[in-house]
Amino acid sequence: MNDTRKLRRQNGMFVGVCGGLGAFFGISPFWFRLLFVILLLPGGLPGVIPYIVLWVVMPAQR
């Protein structure tokens, strides 16, 4: 299978993590932003840690 999709940060609202996830999965970045906000509600860390990890791991769009 020759899949040319690459997981990369997009130019977005903060650092582009949600935009990159949205582009990769073919859905609106709004849903990923909503997910991270919901994960922030129980105390912050469940939403902040995965976001920071993705920020560090995902390369920027060229």
PDB file of N, CA and C in Angstrom:
ATOM      1  N   MET A   1       0.845  -1.166   0.000  1.00  0.00           N
ATOM      2  CA  MET A   1       0.000   0.000   0.000  1.00  0.00           C
ATOM      3  C   MET A   1       0.896   1.236   0.000  1.00  0.00           C
ATOM      4  N   ASN A   2       0.673   2.147  -0.925  1.00  0.00           N
ATOM      5  CA  ASN A   2       1.460   3.369  -1.034  1.00  0.00           C
ATOM      6  C   ASN A   2       0.634   4.545  -0.537  1.00  0.00           C
ATOM      7  N   ASP A   3       0.716   4.800   0.755  1.00  0.00           N
ATOM      8  CA  ASP A   3      -0.050   5.876   1.372  1.00  0.00           C
ATOM      9  C   ASP A   3       0.868   7.080   1.553  1.00  0.00           C
ATOM     10  N   THR A   4       0.536   8.194   0.927  1.00  0.00           N
ATOM     11  CA  THR A   4       1.411   9.366   0.968  1.00  0.00           C
ATOM     12  C   THR A   4       1.060  10.330   2.091  1.00  0.00           C
ATOM     13  N   ARG A   5       0.081   9.985   2.917  1.00  0.00           N
ATOM     14  CA  ARG A   5      -0.256  10.855   4.049  1.00  0.00           C
ATOM     15  C   ARG A   5       0.876  10.832   5.066  1.00  0.00           C
ATOM     16  N   LYS A   6       1.225  12.010   5.571  1.00  0.00           N
ATOM     17  CA  LYS A   6       2.238  12.107   6.611  1.00  0.00           C
ATOM     18  C   LYS A   6       1.682  12.926   7.754  1.00  0.00           C
ATOM     19  N   LEU A   7       2.002  12.505   8.954  1.00  0.00           N
ATOM     20  CA  LEU A   7       1.551  13.210  10.144  1.00  0.00           C
ATOM     21  C   LEU A   7       2.520  14.353  10.403  1.00  0.00           C
ATOM     22  N   ARG A   8       2.074  15.571  10.135  1.00  0.00           N
ATOM     23  CA  ARG A   8       2.899  16.763  10.313  1.00  0.00           C
ATOM     24  C   ARG A   8       2.070  17.877  10.939  1.00  0.00           C
ATOM     25  N   ARG A   9       2.739  18.724  11.729  1.00  0.00           N
ATOM     26  CA  ARG A   9       2.059  19.886  12.292  1.00  0.00           C
ATOM     27  C   ARG A   9       1.739  20.869  11.178  1.00  0.00           C
ATOM     28  N   GLN A  10       0.557  21.456  11.248  1.00  0.00           N
ATOM     29  CA  GLN A  10       0.112  22.444  10.278  1.00  0.00           C
ATOM     30  C   GLN A  10       0.230  23.835  10.892  1.00  0.00           C
ATOM     31  N   ASN A  11       0.162  24.853  10.050  1.00  0.00           N
ATOM     32  CA  ASN A  11       0.058  26.200  10.589  1.00  0.00           C
ATOM     33  C   ASN A  11      -1.315  26.321  11.202  1.00  0.00           C
ATOM     34  N   GLY A  12      -1.364  26.565  12.483  1.00  0.00           N
ATOM     35  CA  GLY A  12      -2.655  26.551  13.144  1.00  0.00           C
ATOM     36  C   GLY A  12      -2.755  27.573  14.252  1.00  0.00           C
ATOM     37  N   MET A  13      -3.709  27.348  15.126  1.00  0.00           N
ATOM     38  CA  MET A  13      -3.996  28.300  16.180  1.00  0.00           C
ATOM     39  C   MET A  13      -2.854  28.407  17.191  1.00  0.00           C
ATOM     40  N   PHE A  14      -2.288  27.298  17.602  1.00  0.00           N
ATOM     41  CA  PHE A  14      -1.231  27.364  18.614  1.00  0.00           C
ATOM     42  C   PHE A  14       0.076  26.876  18.002  1.00  0.00           C
ATOM     43  N   VAL A  15       0.277  25.599  17.928  1.00  0.00           N
ATOM     44  CA  VAL A  15       1.481  25.068  17.290  1.00  0.00           C
ATOM     45  C   VAL A  15       1.144  24.128  16.146  1.00  0.00           C
ATOM     46  N   GLY A  16      -0.114  23.931  15.866  1.00  0.00           N
ATOM     47  CA  GLY A  16      -0.529  23.164  14.707  1.00  0.00           C
ATOM     48  C   GLY A  16      -0.746  21.684  14.916  1.00  0.00           C
ATOM     49  N   VAL A  17      -0.742  21.226  16.154  1.00  0.00           N
ATOM     50  CA  VAL A  17      -0.932  19.794  16.420  1.00  0.00           C
ATOM     51  C   VAL A  17      -2.320  19.342  15.967  1.00  0.00           C
ATOM     52  N   CYS A  18      -3.349  20.067  16.357  1.00  0.00           N
ATOM     53  CA  CYS A  18      -4.724  19.672  15.997  1.00  0.00           C
ATOM     54  C   CYS A  18      -4.955  19.786  14.495  1.00  0.00           C
ATOM     55  N   GLY A  19      -4.376  20.799  13.875  1.00  0.00           N
ATOM     56  CA  GLY A  19      -4.490  20.936  12.423  1.00  0.00           C
ATOM     57  C   GLY A  19      -3.823  19.773  11.701  1.00  0.00           C
ATOM     58  N   GLY A  20      -2.676  19.352  12.196  1.00  0.00           N
ATOM     59  CA  GLY A  20      -1.977  18.218  11.600  1.00  0.00           C
ATOM     60  C   GLY A  20      -2.731  16.913  11.775  1.00  0.00           C
ATOM     61  N   LEU A  21      -3.297  16.719  12.961  1.00  0.00           N
ATOM     62  CA  LEU A  21      -4.101  15.514  13.192  1.00  0.00           C
ATOM     63  C   LEU A  21      -5.347  15.519  12.307  1.00  0.00           C
ATOM     64  N   GLY A  22      -5.981  16.688  12.180  1.00  0.00           N
ATOM     65  CA  GLY A  22      -7.167  16.797  11.329  1.00  0.00           C
ATOM     66  C   GLY A  22      -6.859  16.492   9.876  1.00  0.00           C
ATOM     67  N   ALA A  23      -5.739  17.023   9.380  1.00  0.00           N
ATOM     68  CA  ALA A  23      -5.347  16.771   7.993  1.00  0.00           C
ATOM     69  C   ALA A  23      -5.008  15.296   7.781  1.00  0.00           C
ATOM     70  N   PHE A  24      -4.348  14.694   8.748  1.00  0.00           N
ATOM     71  CA  PHE A  24      -3.961  13.290   8.617  1.00  0.00           C
ATOM     72  C   PHE A  24      -5.168  12.368   8.586  1.00  0.00           C
ATOM     73  N   PHE A  25      -6.130  12.608   9.473  1.00  0.00           N
ATOM     74  CA  PHE A  25      -7.298  11.748   9.557  1.00  0.00           C
ATOM     75  C   PHE A  25      -8.447  12.198   8.658  1.00  0.00           C
ATOM     76  N   GLY A  26      -8.318  13.355   8.025  1.00  0.00           N
ATOM     77  CA  GLY A  26      -9.337  13.823   7.090  1.00  0.00           C
ATOM     78  C   GLY A  26     -10.591  14.367   7.753  1.00  0.00           C
ATOM     79  N   ILE A  27     -10.464  14.895   8.965  1.00  0.00           N
ATOM     80  CA  ILE A  27     -11.604  15.501   9.638  1.00  0.00           C
ATOM     81  C   ILE A  27     -11.217  16.901  10.114  1.00  0.00           C
ATOM     82  N   SER A  28     -12.177  17.644  10.582  1.00  0.00           N
ATOM     83  CA  SER A  28     -11.941  19.009  11.020  1.00  0.00           C
ATOM     84  C   SER A  28     -11.061  19.044  12.274  1.00  0.00           C
ATOM     85  N   PRO A  29     -10.093  19.967  12.325  1.00  0.00           N
ATOM     86  CA  PRO A  29      -9.273  20.107  13.527  1.00  0.00           C
ATOM     87  C   PRO A  29     -10.090  20.490  14.758  1.00  0.00           C
ATOM     88  N   PHE A  30     -11.291  21.027  14.544  1.00  0.00           N
ATOM     89  CA  PHE A  30     -12.172  21.387  15.654  1.00  0.00           C
ATOM     90  C   PHE A  30     -12.386  20.217  16.594  1.00  0.00           C
ATOM     91  N   TRP A  31     -12.561  19.021  16.075  1.00  0.00           N
ATOM     92  CA  TRP A  31     -12.838  17.846  16.901  1.00  0.00           C
ATOM     93  C   TRP A  31     -11.645  17.480  17.771  1.00  0.00           C
ATOM     94  N   PHE A  32     -10.439  17.664  17.262  1.00  0.00           N
ATOM     95  CA  PHE A  32      -9.258  17.393  18.074  1.00  0.00           C
ATOM     96  C   PHE A  32      -9.077  18.475  19.130  1.00  0.00           C
ATOM     97  N   ARG A  33      -9.374  19.717  18.779  1.00  0.00           N
ATOM     98  CA  ARG A  33      -9.312  20.790  19.775  1.00  0.00           C
ATOM     99  C   ARG A  33     -10.308  20.536  20.895  1.00  0.00           C
ATOM    100  N   LEU A  34     -11.513  20.122  20.516  1.00  0.00           N
ATOM    101  CA  LEU A  34     -12.536  19.803  21.509  1.00  0.00           C
ATOM    102  C   LEU A  34     -12.078  18.655  22.411  1.00  0.00           C
ATOM    103  N   LEU A  35     -11.478  17.636  21.825  1.00  0.00           N
ATOM    104  CA  LEU A  35     -10.982  16.502  22.601  1.00  0.00           C
ATOM    105  C   LEU A  35      -9.945  16.943  23.622  1.00  0.00           C
ATOM    106  N   PHE A  36      -8.987  17.775  23.202  1.00  0.00           N
ATOM    107  CA  PHE A  36      -7.963  18.228  24.136  1.00  0.00           C
ATOM    108  C   PHE A  36      -8.553  19.114  25.228  1.00  0.00           C
ATOM    109  N   VAL A  37      -9.547  19.928  24.913  1.00  0.00           N
ATOM    110  CA  VAL A  37     -10.201  20.755  25.934  1.00  0.00           C
ATOM    111  C   VAL A  37     -10.944  19.871  26.937  1.00  0.00           C
ATOM    112  N   ILE A  38     -11.631  18.847  26.444  1.00  0.00           N
ATOM    113  CA  ILE A  38     -12.333  17.926  27.351  1.00  0.00           C
ATOM    114  C   ILE A  38     -11.334  17.193  28.242  1.00  0.00           C
ATOM    115  N   LEU A  39     -10.181  16.816  27.689  1.00  0.00           N
ATOM    116  CA  LEU A  39      -9.162  16.139  28.488  1.00  0.00           C
ATOM    117  C   LEU A  39      -8.525  17.072  29.513  1.00  0.00           C
ATOM    118  N   LEU A  40      -8.610  18.384  29.292  1.00  0.00           N
ATOM    119  CA  LEU A  40      -8.075  19.347  30.263  1.00  0.00           C
ATOM    120  C   LEU A  40      -8.954  19.468  31.502  1.00  0.00           C
ATOM    121  N   LEU A  41     -10.234  19.171  31.377  1.00  0.00           N
ATOM    122  CA  LEU A  41     -11.183  19.385  32.460  1.00  0.00           C
ATOM    123  C   LEU A  41     -10.883  18.609  33.748  1.00  0.00           C
ATOM    124  N   PRO A  42     -10.462  17.336  33.693  1.00  0.00           N
ATOM    125  CA  PRO A  42     -10.264  16.617  34.956  1.00  0.00           C
ATOM    126  C   PRO A  42      -8.987  16.992  35.712  1.00  0.00           C
ATOM    127  N   GLY A  43      -8.321  18.049  35.347  1.00  0.00           N
ATOM    128  CA  GLY A  43      -7.141  18.458  36.101  1.00  0.00           C
ATOM    129  C   GLY A  43      -5.992  18.921  35.235  1.00  0.00           C
ATOM    130  N   GLY A  44      -6.159  18.924  33.949  1.00  0.00           N
ATOM    131  CA  GLY A  44      -5.150  19.482  33.065  1.00  0.00           C
ATOM    132  C   GLY A  44      -4.182  18.496  32.450  1.00  0.00           C
ATOM    133  N   LEU A  45      -3.560  17.653  33.259  1.00  0.00           N
ATOM    134  CA  LEU A  45      -2.508  16.783  32.730  1.00  0.00           C
ATOM    135  C   LEU A  45      -2.962  15.800  31.659  1.00  0.00           C
ATOM    136  N   PRO A  46      -4.163  15.211  31.752  1.00  0.00           N
ATOM    137  CA  PRO A  46      -4.563  14.298  30.674  1.00  0.00           C
ATOM    138  C   PRO A  46      -4.669  14.978  29.305  1.00  0.00           C
ATOM    139  N   GLY A  47      -4.804  16.280  29.262  1.00  0.00           N
ATOM    140  CA  GLY A  47      -4.861  16.986  27.988  1.00  0.00           C
ATOM    141  C   GLY A  47      -3.547  17.628  27.605  1.00  0.00           C
ATOM    142  N   VAL A  48      -2.783  18.077  28.584  1.00  0.00           N
ATOM    143  CA  VAL A  48      -1.539  18.788  28.310  1.00  0.00           C
ATOM    144  C   VAL A  48      -0.423  17.834  27.899  1.00  0.00           C
ATOM    145  N   ILE A  49      -0.277  16.734  28.595  1.00  0.00           N
ATOM    146  CA  ILE A  49       0.825  15.803  28.327  1.00  0.00           C
ATOM    147  C   ILE A  49       0.772  15.246  26.899  1.00  0.00           C
ATOM    148  N   PRO A  50      -0.375  14.697  26.425  1.00  0.00           N
ATOM    149  CA  PRO A  50      -0.388  14.189  25.044  1.00  0.00           C
ATOM    150  C   PRO A  50      -0.152  15.302  24.020  1.00  0.00           C
ATOM    151  N   TYR A  51      -0.649  16.510  24.289  1.00  0.00           N
ATOM    152  CA  TYR A  51      -0.454  17.621  23.364  1.00  0.00           C
ATOM    153  C   TYR A  51       1.022  17.988  23.258  1.00  0.00           C
ATOM    154  N   ILE A  52       1.708  18.051  24.393  1.00  0.00           N
ATOM    155  CA  ILE A  52       3.137  18.376  24.382  1.00  0.00           C
ATOM    156  C   ILE A  52       3.942  17.276  23.713  1.00  0.00           C
ATOM    157  N   VAL A  53       3.595  16.024  23.987  1.00  0.00           N
ATOM    158  CA  VAL A  53       4.299  14.901  23.343  1.00  0.00           C
ATOM    159  C   VAL A  53       4.123  14.968  21.829  1.00  0.00           C
ATOM    160  N   LEU A  54       2.897  15.213  21.373  1.00  0.00           N
ATOM    161  CA  LEU A  54       2.667  15.322  19.929  1.00  0.00           C
ATOM    162  C   LEU A  54       3.400  16.522  19.347  1.00  0.00           C
ATOM    163  N   TRP A  55       3.478  17.607  20.081  1.00  0.00           N
ATOM    164  CA  TRP A  55       4.175  18.810  19.623  1.00  0.00           C
ATOM    165  C   TRP A  55       5.656  18.499  19.396  1.00  0.00           C
ATOM    166  N   VAL A  56       6.256  17.734  20.310  1.00  0.00           N
ATOM    167  CA  VAL A  56       7.672  17.399  20.210  1.00  0.00           C
ATOM    168  C   VAL A  56       7.906  16.349  19.123  1.00  0.00           C
ATOM    169  N   VAL A  57       7.031  15.364  19.024  1.00  0.00           N
ATOM    170  CA  VAL A  57       7.246  14.227  18.125  1.00  0.00           C
ATOM    171  C   VAL A  57       6.895  14.554  16.664  1.00  0.00           C
ATOM    172  N   MET A  58       5.829  15.321  16.447  1.00  0.00           N
ATOM    173  CA  MET A  58       5.371  15.604  15.076  1.00  0.00           C
ATOM    174  C   MET A  58       6.276  16.650  14.416  1.00  0.00           C
ATOM    175  N   PRO A  59       6.830  16.335  13.251  1.00  0.00           N
ATOM    176  CA  PRO A  59       7.643  17.333  12.557  1.00  0.00           C
ATOM    177  C   PRO A  59       6.748  18.437  11.986  1.00  0.00           C
ATOM    178  N   ALA A  60       7.330  19.612  11.821  1.00  0.00           N
ATOM    179  CA  ALA A  60       6.587  20.736  11.242  1.00  0.00           C
ATOM    180  C   ALA A  60       6.407  20.525   9.752  1.00  0.00           C
ATOM    181  N   GLN A  61       5.348  21.122   9.225  1.00  0.00           N
ATOM    182  CA  GLN A  61       5.091  21.034   7.789  1.00  0.00           C
ATOM    183  C   GLN A  61       6.154  21.849   7.054  1.00  0.00           C
ATOM    184  N   ARG A  62       6.631  21.323   5.947  1.00  0.00           N
ATOM    185  CA  ARG A  62       7.673  22.028   5.182  1.00  0.00           C
ATOM    186  C   ARG A  62       7.087  22.986   4.208  1.00  0.00           C
TER     187      ARG A  62
END
